[in-house]
ModelCIF file with pLDDT and N, C-alpha, C, O atoms, coordinates in Angstrom:
data_MODEL
#
_entry.id   MODEL 
#
_entity.id                         1 
_entity.type                       polymer 
_entity.pdbx_number_of_molecules   1 
#
_entity_poly.entity_id                      1 
_entity_poly.type                           'polypeptide(L)' 
_entity_poly.nstd_linkage                   no 
_entity_poly.nstd_monomer                   no 
_entity_poly.pdbx_seq_one_letter_code       PKSNLASMGIYMFKWSVLRKLLKEDHKNPDSEHDFGKDIIPKML 
_entity_poly.pdbx_seq_one_letter_code_can   PKSNLASMGIYMFKWSVLRKLLKEDHKNPDSEHDFGKDIIPKML 
_entity_poly.pdbx_strand_id                 A 
#
loop_
_entity_poly_seq.entity_id 
_entity_poly_seq.num 
_entity_poly_seq.mon_id 
_entity_poly_seq.hetero 
1 1  PRO n 
1 2  LYS n 
1 3  SER n 
1 4  ASN n 
1 5  LEU n 
1 6  ALA n 
1 7  SER n 
1 8  MET n 
1 9  GLY n 
1 10 ILE n 
1 11 TYR n 
1 12 MET n 
1 13 PHE n 
1 14 LYS n 
1 15 TRP n 
1 16 SER n 
1 17 VAL n 
1 18 LEU n 
1 19 ARG n 
1 20 LYS n 
1 21 LEU n 
1 22 LEU n 
1 23 LYS n 
1 24 GLU n 
1 25 ASP n 
1 26 HIS n 
1 27 LYS n 
1 28 ASN n 
1 29 PRO n 
1 30 ASP n 
1 31 SER n 
1 32 GLU n 
1 33 HIS n 
1 34 ASP n 
1 35 PHE n 
1 36 GLY n 
1 37 LYS n 
1 38 ASP n 
1 39 ILE n 
1 40 ILE n 
1 41 PRO n 
1 42 LYS n 
1 43 MET n 
1 44 LEU n 
#
_struct_asym.id          A 
_struct_asym.entity_id   1 
#
loop_
_ma_qa_metric.id 
_ma_qa_metric.mode 
_ma_qa_metric.name 
_ma_qa_metric.software_group_id 
_ma_qa_metric.type 
1 global pLDDT . pLDDT 
2 local  pLDDT . pLDDT 
#
_ma_qa_metric_global.metric_id      1 
_ma_qa_metric_global.metric_value   94.36 
_ma_qa_metric_global.model_id       1 
_ma_qa_metric_global.ordinal_id     1 
#
loop_
_ma_qa_metric_local.label_asym_id 
_ma_qa_metric_local.label_comp_id 
_ma_qa_metric_local.label_seq_id 
_ma_qa_metric_local.metric_id 
_ma_qa_metric_local.metric_value 
_ma_qa_metric_local.model_id 
_ma_qa_metric_local.ordinal_id 
A PRO 1  2 90.00 1 1  
A LYS 2  2 92.00 1 2  
A SER 3  2 93.00 1 3  
A ASN 4  2 92.00 1 4  
A LEU 5  2 95.00 1 5  
A ALA 6  2 93.00 1 6  
A SER 7  2 93.00 1 7  
A MET 8  2 94.00 1 8  
A GLY 9  2 92.00 1 9  
A ILE 10 2 96.00 1 10 
A TYR 11 2 97.00 1 11 
A MET 12 2 98.00 1 12 
A PHE 13 2 98.00 1 13 
A LYS 14 2 98.00 1 14 
A TRP 15 2 97.00 1 15 
A SER 16 2 97.00 1 16 
A VAL 17 2 97.00 1 17 
A LEU 18 2 97.00 1 18 
A ARG 19 2 97.00 1 19 
A LYS 20 2 97.00 1 20 
A LEU 21 2 97.00 1 21 
A LEU 22 2 97.00 1 22 
A LYS 23 2 96.00 1 23 
A GLU 24 2 95.00 1 24 
A ASP 25 2 94.00 1 25 
A HIS 26 2 93.00 1 26 
A LYS 27 2 93.00 1 27 
A ASN 28 2 94.00 1 28 
A PRO 29 2 91.00 1 29 
A ASP 30 2 92.00 1 30 
A SER 31 2 93.00 1 31 
A GLU 32 2 93.00 1 32 
A HIS 33 2 93.00 1 33 
A ASP 34 2 92.00 1 34 
A PHE 35 2 93.00 1 35 
A GLY 36 2 90.00 1 36 
A LYS 37 2 90.00 1 37 
A ASP 38 2 94.00 1 38 
A ILE 39 2 95.00 1 39 
A ILE 40 2 94.00 1 40 
A PRO 41 2 93.00 1 41 
A LYS 42 2 95.00 1 42 
A MET 43 2 96.00 1 43 
A LEU 44 2 96.00 1 44 
#
loop_
_atom_site.group_PDB 
_atom_site.id 
_atom_site.type_symbol 
_atom_site.label_atom_id 
_atom_site.label_alt_id 
_atom_site.label_comp_id 
_atom_site.label_asym_id 
_atom_site.label_entity_id 
_atom_site.label_seq_id 
_atom_site.pdbx_PDB_ins_code 
_atom_site.Cartn_x 
_atom_site.Cartn_y 
_atom_site.Cartn_z 
_atom_site.occupancy 
_atom_site.B_iso_or_equiv 
_atom_site.pdbx_formal_charge 
_atom_site.auth_seq_id 
_atom_site.auth_comp_id 
_atom_site.auth_asym_id 
_atom_site.auth_atom_id 
_atom_site.pdbx_PDB_model_num 
ATOM 1   N N  . PRO A 1 1  ? 1.328   -1.581 -0.345  1.00 90.00 ? 1  PRO A N  1 
ATOM 2   C CA . PRO A 1 1  ? 0.044   0.146  0.237   1.00 90.00 ? 1  PRO A CA 1 
ATOM 3   C C  . PRO A 1 1  ? 0.904   1.205  -0.047  1.00 90.00 ? 1  PRO A C  1 
ATOM 4   O O  . PRO A 1 1  ? 2.077   1.049  0.289   1.00 90.00 ? 1  PRO A O  1 
ATOM 5   N N  . LYS A 1 2  ? 0.565   2.315  -0.625  1.00 92.00 ? 2  LYS A N  1 
ATOM 6   C CA . LYS A 1 2  ? 1.374   3.637  -1.022  1.00 92.00 ? 2  LYS A CA 1 
ATOM 7   C C  . LYS A 1 2  ? 1.021   4.686  -0.129  1.00 92.00 ? 2  LYS A C  1 
ATOM 8   O O  . LYS A 1 2  ? 1.509   5.816  -0.135  1.00 92.00 ? 2  LYS A O  1 
ATOM 9   N N  . SER A 1 3  ? -0.201  4.076  0.943   1.00 93.00 ? 3  SER A N  1 
ATOM 10  C CA . SER A 1 3  ? -1.375  5.131  2.000   1.00 93.00 ? 3  SER A CA 1 
ATOM 11  C C  . SER A 1 3  ? -1.812  3.588  3.029   1.00 93.00 ? 3  SER A C  1 
ATOM 12  O O  . SER A 1 3  ? -1.570  2.390  2.880   1.00 93.00 ? 3  SER A O  1 
ATOM 13  N N  . ASN A 1 4  ? -2.811  4.671  4.436   1.00 92.00 ? 4  ASN A N  1 
ATOM 14  C CA . ASN A 1 4  ? -2.674  4.138  5.557   1.00 92.00 ? 4  ASN A CA 1 
ATOM 15  C C  . ASN A 1 4  ? -4.101  4.281  5.241   1.00 92.00 ? 4  ASN A C  1 
ATOM 16  O O  . ASN A 1 4  ? -4.744  3.292  5.592   1.00 92.00 ? 4  ASN A O  1 
ATOM 17  N N  . LEU A 1 5  ? -4.742  5.139  4.727   1.00 95.00 ? 5  LEU A N  1 
ATOM 18  C CA . LEU A 1 5  ? -6.129  5.680  4.209   1.00 95.00 ? 5  LEU A CA 1 
ATOM 19  C C  . LEU A 1 5  ? -7.587  4.271  3.958   1.00 95.00 ? 5  LEU A C  1 
ATOM 20  O O  . LEU A 1 5  ? -7.604  3.879  2.791   1.00 95.00 ? 5  LEU A O  1 
ATOM 21  N N  . ALA A 1 6  ? -7.796  4.138  4.135   1.00 93.00 ? 6  ALA A N  1 
ATOM 22  C CA . ALA A 1 6  ? -8.728  3.164  3.913   1.00 93.00 ? 6  ALA A CA 1 
ATOM 23  C C  . ALA A 1 6  ? -10.182 3.195  3.326   1.00 93.00 ? 6  ALA A C  1 
ATOM 24  O O  . ALA A 1 6  ? -11.132 3.016  4.087   1.00 93.00 ? 6  ALA A O  1 
ATOM 25  N N  . SER A 1 7  ? -10.383 3.428  1.925   1.00 93.00 ? 7  SER A N  1 
ATOM 26  C CA . SER A 1 7  ? -12.032 3.381  2.111   1.00 93.00 ? 7  SER A CA 1 
ATOM 27  C C  . SER A 1 7  ? -12.703 2.737  3.353   1.00 93.00 ? 7  SER A C  1 
ATOM 28  O O  . SER A 1 7  ? -12.410 1.607  3.745   1.00 93.00 ? 7  SER A O  1 
ATOM 29  N N  . MET A 1 8  ? -13.909 3.784  4.124   1.00 94.00 ? 8  MET A N  1 
ATOM 30  C CA . MET A 1 8  ? -14.753 2.916  4.784   1.00 94.00 ? 8  MET A CA 1 
ATOM 31  C C  . MET A 1 8  ? -16.149 2.694  3.172   1.00 94.00 ? 8  MET A C  1 
ATOM 32  O O  . MET A 1 8  ? -17.224 3.154  3.556   1.00 94.00 ? 8  MET A O  1 
ATOM 33  N N  . GLY A 1 9  ? -16.213 2.353  2.245   1.00 92.00 ? 9  GLY A N  1 
ATOM 34  C CA . GLY A 1 9  ? -17.641 2.458  1.828   1.00 92.00 ? 9  GLY A CA 1 
ATOM 35  C C  . GLY A 1 9  ? -18.244 3.318  1.896   1.00 92.00 ? 9  GLY A C  1 
ATOM 36  O O  . GLY A 1 9  ? -19.385 2.991  1.568   1.00 92.00 ? 9  GLY A O  1 
ATOM 37  N N  . ILE A 1 10 ? -18.167 4.858  2.274   1.00 96.00 ? 10 ILE A N  1 
ATOM 38  C CA . ILE A 1 10 ? -19.428 5.350  2.544   1.00 96.00 ? 10 ILE A CA 1 
ATOM 39  C C  . ILE A 1 10 ? -18.950 5.912  1.360   1.00 96.00 ? 10 ILE A C  1 
ATOM 40  O O  . ILE A 1 10 ? -17.723 5.917  1.265   1.00 96.00 ? 10 ILE A O  1 
ATOM 41  N N  . TYR A 1 11 ? -19.707 6.481  0.245   1.00 97.00 ? 11 TYR A N  1 
ATOM 42  C CA . TYR A 1 11 ? -19.621 7.632  -0.969  1.00 97.00 ? 11 TYR A CA 1 
ATOM 43  C C  . TYR A 1 11 ? -21.005 8.558  -0.907  1.00 97.00 ? 11 TYR A C  1 
ATOM 44  O O  . TYR A 1 11 ? -22.174 8.231  -0.700  1.00 97.00 ? 11 TYR A O  1 
ATOM 45  N N  . MET A 1 12 ? -20.337 9.950  -1.193  1.00 98.00 ? 12 MET A N  1 
ATOM 46  C CA . MET A 1 12 ? -21.406 10.847 -1.041  1.00 98.00 ? 12 MET A CA 1 
ATOM 47  C C  . MET A 1 12 ? -21.048 11.412 -3.118  1.00 98.00 ? 12 MET A C  1 
ATOM 48  O O  . MET A 1 12 ? -19.878 11.644 -3.425  1.00 98.00 ? 12 MET A O  1 
ATOM 49  N N  . PHE A 1 13 ? -21.636 11.478 -3.698  1.00 98.00 ? 13 PHE A N  1 
ATOM 50  C CA . PHE A 1 13 ? -22.168 11.387 -5.102  1.00 98.00 ? 13 PHE A CA 1 
ATOM 51  C C  . PHE A 1 13 ? -22.693 12.687 -6.293  1.00 98.00 ? 13 PHE A C  1 
ATOM 52  O O  . PHE A 1 13 ? -23.194 12.261 -7.334  1.00 98.00 ? 13 PHE A O  1 
ATOM 53  N N  . LYS A 1 14 ? -22.653 13.221 -6.236  1.00 98.00 ? 14 LYS A N  1 
ATOM 54  C CA . LYS A 1 14 ? -23.438 13.617 -7.300  1.00 98.00 ? 14 LYS A CA 1 
ATOM 55  C C  . LYS A 1 14 ? -24.326 13.190 -8.172  1.00 98.00 ? 14 LYS A C  1 
ATOM 56  O O  . LYS A 1 14 ? -23.888 12.312 -8.915  1.00 98.00 ? 14 LYS A O  1 
ATOM 57  N N  . TRP A 1 15 ? -25.498 13.524 -8.357  1.00 97.00 ? 15 TRP A N  1 
ATOM 58  C CA . TRP A 1 15 ? -26.883 12.651 -8.566  1.00 97.00 ? 15 TRP A CA 1 
ATOM 59  C C  . TRP A 1 15 ? -26.280 12.789 -10.242 1.00 97.00 ? 15 TRP A C  1 
ATOM 60  O O  . TRP A 1 15 ? -25.415 11.939 -10.453 1.00 97.00 ? 15 TRP A O  1 
ATOM 61  N N  . SER A 1 16 ? -26.373 13.079 -10.632 1.00 97.00 ? 16 SER A N  1 
ATOM 62  C CA . SER A 1 16 ? -26.082 13.386 -12.215 1.00 97.00 ? 16 SER A CA 1 
ATOM 63  C C  . SER A 1 16 ? -25.179 13.078 -12.679 1.00 97.00 ? 16 SER A C  1 
ATOM 64  O O  . SER A 1 16 ? -25.203 12.632 -13.826 1.00 97.00 ? 16 SER A O  1 
ATOM 65  N N  . VAL A 1 17 ? -24.101 13.185 -12.020 1.00 97.00 ? 17 VAL A N  1 
ATOM 66  C CA . VAL A 1 17 ? -22.102 12.285 -12.447 1.00 97.00 ? 17 VAL A CA 1 
ATOM 67  C C  . VAL A 1 17 ? -22.502 10.883 -11.755 1.00 97.00 ? 17 VAL A C  1 
ATOM 68  O O  . VAL A 1 17 ? -22.060 9.996  -12.485 1.00 97.00 ? 17 VAL A O  1 
ATOM 69  N N  . LEU A 1 18 ? -23.063 10.411 -10.807 1.00 97.00 ? 18 LEU A N  1 
ATOM 70  C CA . LEU A 1 18 ? -23.073 9.372  -10.289 1.00 97.00 ? 18 LEU A CA 1 
ATOM 71  C C  . LEU A 1 18 ? -24.856 8.247  -12.122 1.00 97.00 ? 18 LEU A C  1 
ATOM 72  O O  . LEU A 1 18 ? -25.235 7.173  -12.588 1.00 97.00 ? 18 LEU A O  1 
ATOM 73  N N  . ARG A 1 19 ? -24.966 9.057  -12.154 1.00 97.00 ? 19 ARG A N  1 
ATOM 74  C CA . ARG A 1 19 ? -26.563 8.826  -12.600 1.00 97.00 ? 19 ARG A CA 1 
ATOM 75  C C  . ARG A 1 19 ? -25.884 8.040  -14.372 1.00 97.00 ? 19 ARG A C  1 
ATOM 76  O O  . ARG A 1 19 ? -26.420 7.151  -15.033 1.00 97.00 ? 19 ARG A O  1 
ATOM 77  N N  . LYS A 1 20 ? -24.554 8.818  -14.678 1.00 97.00 ? 20 LYS A N  1 
ATOM 78  C CA . LYS A 1 20 ? -24.489 8.674  -16.335 1.00 97.00 ? 20 LYS A CA 1 
ATOM 79  C C  . LYS A 1 20 ? -23.536 7.841  -16.033 1.00 97.00 ? 20 LYS A C  1 
ATOM 80  O O  . LYS A 1 20 ? -24.164 6.807  -16.258 1.00 97.00 ? 20 LYS A O  1 
ATOM 81  N N  . LEU A 1 21 ? -22.494 7.480  -15.694 1.00 97.00 ? 21 LEU A N  1 
ATOM 82  C CA . LEU A 1 21 ? -21.678 6.516  -14.924 1.00 97.00 ? 21 LEU A CA 1 
ATOM 83  C C  . LEU A 1 21 ? -22.763 4.974  -14.954 1.00 97.00 ? 21 LEU A C  1 
ATOM 84  O O  . LEU A 1 21 ? -22.668 4.160  -15.872 1.00 97.00 ? 21 LEU A O  1 
ATOM 85  N N  . LEU A 1 22 ? -23.625 4.826  -13.933 1.00 97.00 ? 22 LEU A N  1 
ATOM 86  C CA . LEU A 1 22 ? -24.025 3.782  -13.847 1.00 97.00 ? 22 LEU A CA 1 
ATOM 87  C C  . LEU A 1 22 ? -24.816 3.668  -15.547 1.00 97.00 ? 22 LEU A C  1 
ATOM 88  O O  . LEU A 1 22 ? -24.780 2.906  -16.514 1.00 97.00 ? 22 LEU A O  1 
ATOM 89  N N  . LYS A 1 23 ? -25.300 4.573  -15.258 1.00 96.00 ? 23 LYS A N  1 
ATOM 90  C CA . LYS A 1 23 ? -26.148 3.865  -17.105 1.00 96.00 ? 23 LYS A CA 1 
ATOM 91  C C  . LYS A 1 23 ? -24.889 3.400  -18.081 1.00 96.00 ? 23 LYS A C  1 
ATOM 92  O O  . LYS A 1 23 ? -25.082 2.346  -18.687 1.00 96.00 ? 23 LYS A O  1 
ATOM 93  N N  . GLU A 1 24 ? -23.710 4.020  -18.283 1.00 95.00 ? 24 GLU A N  1 
ATOM 94  C CA . GLU A 1 24 ? -22.249 3.198  -18.742 1.00 95.00 ? 24 GLU A CA 1 
ATOM 95  C C  . GLU A 1 24 ? -22.275 1.896  -18.238 1.00 95.00 ? 24 GLU A C  1 
ATOM 96  O O  . GLU A 1 24 ? -22.166 0.904  -18.958 1.00 95.00 ? 24 GLU A O  1 
ATOM 97  N N  . ASP A 1 25 ? -22.407 1.869  -17.109 1.00 94.00 ? 25 ASP A N  1 
ATOM 98  C CA . ASP A 1 25 ? -21.385 1.035  -16.376 1.00 94.00 ? 25 ASP A CA 1 
ATOM 99  C C  . ASP A 1 25 ? -21.954 -0.537 -17.158 1.00 94.00 ? 25 ASP A C  1 
ATOM 100 O O  . ASP A 1 25 ? -21.307 -1.501 -17.567 1.00 94.00 ? 25 ASP A O  1 
ATOM 101 N N  . HIS A 1 26 ? -23.844 -0.180 -17.125 1.00 93.00 ? 26 HIS A N  1 
ATOM 102 C CA . HIS A 1 26 ? -24.803 -1.137 -16.686 1.00 93.00 ? 26 HIS A CA 1 
ATOM 103 C C  . HIS A 1 26 ? -24.024 -1.488 -18.706 1.00 93.00 ? 26 HIS A C  1 
ATOM 104 O O  . HIS A 1 26 ? -23.416 -2.557 -18.757 1.00 93.00 ? 26 HIS A O  1 
ATOM 105 N N  . LYS A 1 27 ? -24.050 -0.955 -19.633 1.00 93.00 ? 27 LYS A N  1 
ATOM 106 C CA . LYS A 1 27 ? -23.607 -1.775 -20.344 1.00 93.00 ? 27 LYS A CA 1 
ATOM 107 C C  . LYS A 1 27 ? -22.076 -2.152 -20.966 1.00 93.00 ? 27 LYS A C  1 
ATOM 108 O O  . LYS A 1 27 ? -21.744 -2.666 -22.034 1.00 93.00 ? 27 LYS A O  1 
ATOM 109 N N  . ASN A 1 28 ? -21.751 -1.946 -20.481 1.00 94.00 ? 28 ASN A N  1 
ATOM 110 C CA . ASN A 1 28 ? -20.210 -2.678 -20.133 1.00 94.00 ? 28 ASN A CA 1 
ATOM 111 C C  . ASN A 1 28 ? -20.351 -4.025 -20.085 1.00 94.00 ? 28 ASN A C  1 
ATOM 112 O O  . ASN A 1 28 ? -20.704 -4.128 -18.910 1.00 94.00 ? 28 ASN A O  1 
ATOM 113 N N  . PRO A 1 29 ? -20.328 -5.391 -20.601 1.00 91.00 ? 29 PRO A N  1 
ATOM 114 C CA . PRO A 1 29 ? -20.074 -6.436 -19.777 1.00 91.00 ? 29 PRO A CA 1 
ATOM 115 C C  . PRO A 1 29 ? -18.906 -6.846 -19.492 1.00 91.00 ? 29 PRO A C  1 
ATOM 116 O O  . PRO A 1 29 ? -18.821 -7.903 -18.867 1.00 91.00 ? 29 PRO A O  1 
ATOM 117 N N  . ASP A 1 30 ? -17.718 -6.144 -19.862 1.00 92.00 ? 30 ASP A N  1 
ATOM 118 C CA . ASP A 1 30 ? -16.544 -6.251 -18.869 1.00 92.00 ? 30 ASP A CA 1 
ATOM 119 C C  . ASP A 1 30 ? -16.783 -6.008 -17.460 1.00 92.00 ? 30 ASP A C  1 
ATOM 120 O O  . ASP A 1 30 ? -16.235 -6.676 -16.583 1.00 92.00 ? 30 ASP A O  1 
ATOM 121 N N  . SER A 1 31 ? -17.689 -4.948 -17.206 1.00 93.00 ? 31 SER A N  1 
ATOM 122 C CA . SER A 1 31 ? -17.499 -4.596 -15.487 1.00 93.00 ? 31 SER A CA 1 
ATOM 123 C C  . SER A 1 31 ? -18.397 -5.773 -14.383 1.00 93.00 ? 31 SER A C  1 
ATOM 124 O O  . SER A 1 31 ? -19.430 -6.429 -14.519 1.00 93.00 ? 31 SER A O  1 
ATOM 125 N N  . GLU A 1 32 ? -17.610 -5.649 -13.523 1.00 93.00 ? 32 GLU A N  1 
ATOM 126 C CA . GLU A 1 32 ? -18.521 -6.529 -12.359 1.00 93.00 ? 32 GLU A CA 1 
ATOM 127 C C  . GLU A 1 32 ? -19.581 -5.552 -11.677 1.00 93.00 ? 32 GLU A C  1 
ATOM 128 O O  . GLU A 1 32 ? -20.407 -5.944 -10.853 1.00 93.00 ? 32 GLU A O  1 
ATOM 129 N N  . HIS A 1 33 ? -19.461 -4.218 -12.120 1.00 93.00 ? 33 HIS A N  1 
ATOM 130 C CA . HIS A 1 33 ? -20.549 -3.459 -11.459 1.00 93.00 ? 33 HIS A CA 1 
ATOM 131 C C  . HIS A 1 33 ? -20.549 -3.397 -10.182 1.00 93.00 ? 33 HIS A C  1 
ATOM 132 O O  . HIS A 1 33 ? -21.509 -4.008 -9.712  1.00 93.00 ? 33 HIS A O  1 
ATOM 133 N N  . ASP A 1 34 ? -19.407 -2.582 -8.869  1.00 92.00 ? 34 ASP A N  1 
ATOM 134 C CA . ASP A 1 34 ? -19.073 -2.105 -8.466  1.00 92.00 ? 34 ASP A CA 1 
ATOM 135 C C  . ASP A 1 34 ? -18.141 -1.225 -7.941  1.00 92.00 ? 34 ASP A C  1 
ATOM 136 O O  . ASP A 1 34 ? -16.938 -0.987 -7.833  1.00 92.00 ? 34 ASP A O  1 
ATOM 137 N N  . PHE A 1 35 ? -18.635 -1.062 -7.818  1.00 93.00 ? 35 PHE A N  1 
ATOM 138 C CA . PHE A 1 35 ? -17.288 0.956  -7.096  1.00 93.00 ? 35 PHE A CA 1 
ATOM 139 C C  . PHE A 1 35 ? -16.392 1.126  -6.912  1.00 93.00 ? 35 PHE A C  1 
ATOM 140 O O  . PHE A 1 35 ? -15.693 1.902  -7.563  1.00 93.00 ? 35 PHE A O  1 
ATOM 141 N N  . GLY A 1 36 ? -15.823 0.097  -5.390  1.00 90.00 ? 36 GLY A N  1 
ATOM 142 C CA . GLY A 1 36 ? -14.485 -0.160 -6.404  1.00 90.00 ? 36 GLY A CA 1 
ATOM 143 C C  . GLY A 1 36 ? -13.766 -0.463 -6.882  1.00 90.00 ? 36 GLY A C  1 
ATOM 144 O O  . GLY A 1 36 ? -12.742 0.221  -6.908  1.00 90.00 ? 36 GLY A O  1 
ATOM 145 N N  . LYS A 1 37 ? -13.856 -1.879 -7.675  1.00 90.00 ? 37 LYS A N  1 
ATOM 146 C CA . LYS A 1 37 ? -13.379 -2.135 -9.032  1.00 90.00 ? 37 LYS A CA 1 
ATOM 147 C C  . LYS A 1 37 ? -13.609 -1.347 -10.111 1.00 90.00 ? 37 LYS A C  1 
ATOM 148 O O  . LYS A 1 37 ? -12.557 -1.287 -10.749 1.00 90.00 ? 37 LYS A O  1 
ATOM 149 N N  . ASP A 1 38 ? -14.775 -0.481 -10.820 1.00 94.00 ? 38 ASP A N  1 
ATOM 150 C CA . ASP A 1 38 ? -15.217 -0.004 -11.393 1.00 94.00 ? 38 ASP A CA 1 
ATOM 151 C C  . ASP A 1 38 ? -15.857 1.293  -11.697 1.00 94.00 ? 38 ASP A C  1 
ATOM 152 O O  . ASP A 1 38 ? -15.556 1.919  -12.713 1.00 94.00 ? 38 ASP A O  1 
ATOM 153 N N  . ILE A 1 39 ? -16.761 1.726  -10.815 1.00 95.00 ? 39 ILE A N  1 
ATOM 154 C CA . ILE A 1 39 ? -16.707 3.021  -10.980 1.00 95.00 ? 39 ILE A CA 1 
ATOM 155 C C  . ILE A 1 39 ? -15.648 4.116  -10.216 1.00 95.00 ? 39 ILE A C  1 
ATOM 156 O O  . ILE A 1 39 ? -15.401 5.145  -10.846 1.00 95.00 ? 39 ILE A O  1 
ATOM 157 N N  . ILE A 1 40 ? -15.101 3.957  -9.064  1.00 94.00 ? 40 ILE A N  1 
ATOM 158 C CA . ILE A 1 40 ? -14.212 4.779  -8.690  1.00 94.00 ? 40 ILE A CA 1 
ATOM 159 C C  . ILE A 1 40 ? -12.719 4.620  -9.121  1.00 94.00 ? 40 ILE A C  1 
ATOM 160 O O  . ILE A 1 40 ? -11.768 5.365  -8.887  1.00 94.00 ? 40 ILE A O  1 
ATOM 161 N N  . PRO A 1 41 ? -12.764 3.662  -9.688  1.00 93.00 ? 41 PRO A N  1 
ATOM 162 C CA . PRO A 1 41 ? -11.079 4.023  -11.272 1.00 93.00 ? 41 PRO A CA 1 
ATOM 163 C C  . PRO A 1 41 ? -11.783 4.267  -12.373 1.00 93.00 ? 41 PRO A C  1 
ATOM 164 O O  . PRO A 1 41 ? -11.179 4.641  -13.378 1.00 93.00 ? 41 PRO A O  1 
ATOM 165 N N  . LYS A 1 42 ? -12.792 4.147  -12.388 1.00 95.00 ? 42 LYS A N  1 
ATOM 166 C CA . LYS A 1 42 ? -13.182 5.228  -14.023 1.00 95.00 ? 42 LYS A CA 1 
ATOM 167 C C  . LYS A 1 42 ? -13.130 6.212  -13.439 1.00 95.00 ? 42 LYS A C  1 
ATOM 168 O O  . LYS A 1 42 ? -12.199 6.904  -13.850 1.00 95.00 ? 42 LYS A O  1 
ATOM 169 N N  . MET A 1 43 ? -13.955 6.882  -12.251 1.00 96.00 ? 43 MET A N  1 
ATOM 170 C CA . MET A 1 43 ? -14.002 8.540  -11.968 1.00 96.00 ? 43 MET A CA 1 
ATOM 171 C C  . MET A 1 43 ? -12.283 9.148  -12.344 1.00 96.00 ? 43 MET A C  1 
ATOM 172 O O  . MET A 1 43 ? -11.921 10.024 -13.130 1.00 96.00 ? 43 MET A O  1 
ATOM 173 N N  . LEU A 1 44 ? -11.359 8.120  -11.266 1.00 96.00 ? 44 LEU A N  1 
ATOM 174 C CA . LEU A 1 44 ? -10.223 8.356  -11.319 1.00 96.00 ? 44 LEU A CA 1 
ATOM 175 C C  . LEU A 1 44 ? -9.937  8.613  -13.351 1.00 96.00 ? 44 LEU A C  1 
ATOM 176 O O  . LEU A 1 44 ? -8.818  8.883  -13.788 1.00 96.00 ? 44 LEU A O  1 
#
């Protein structure tokens, strides 16, 4: 690990941003549809 800051699994999203990301993620056959594995890395 490069840090000691662990995610608590508590996310506060702009809904307009998250809604668009979820729609795109839903269409991705390679996604696991997970915040930690898919949504957060894509945002970065």
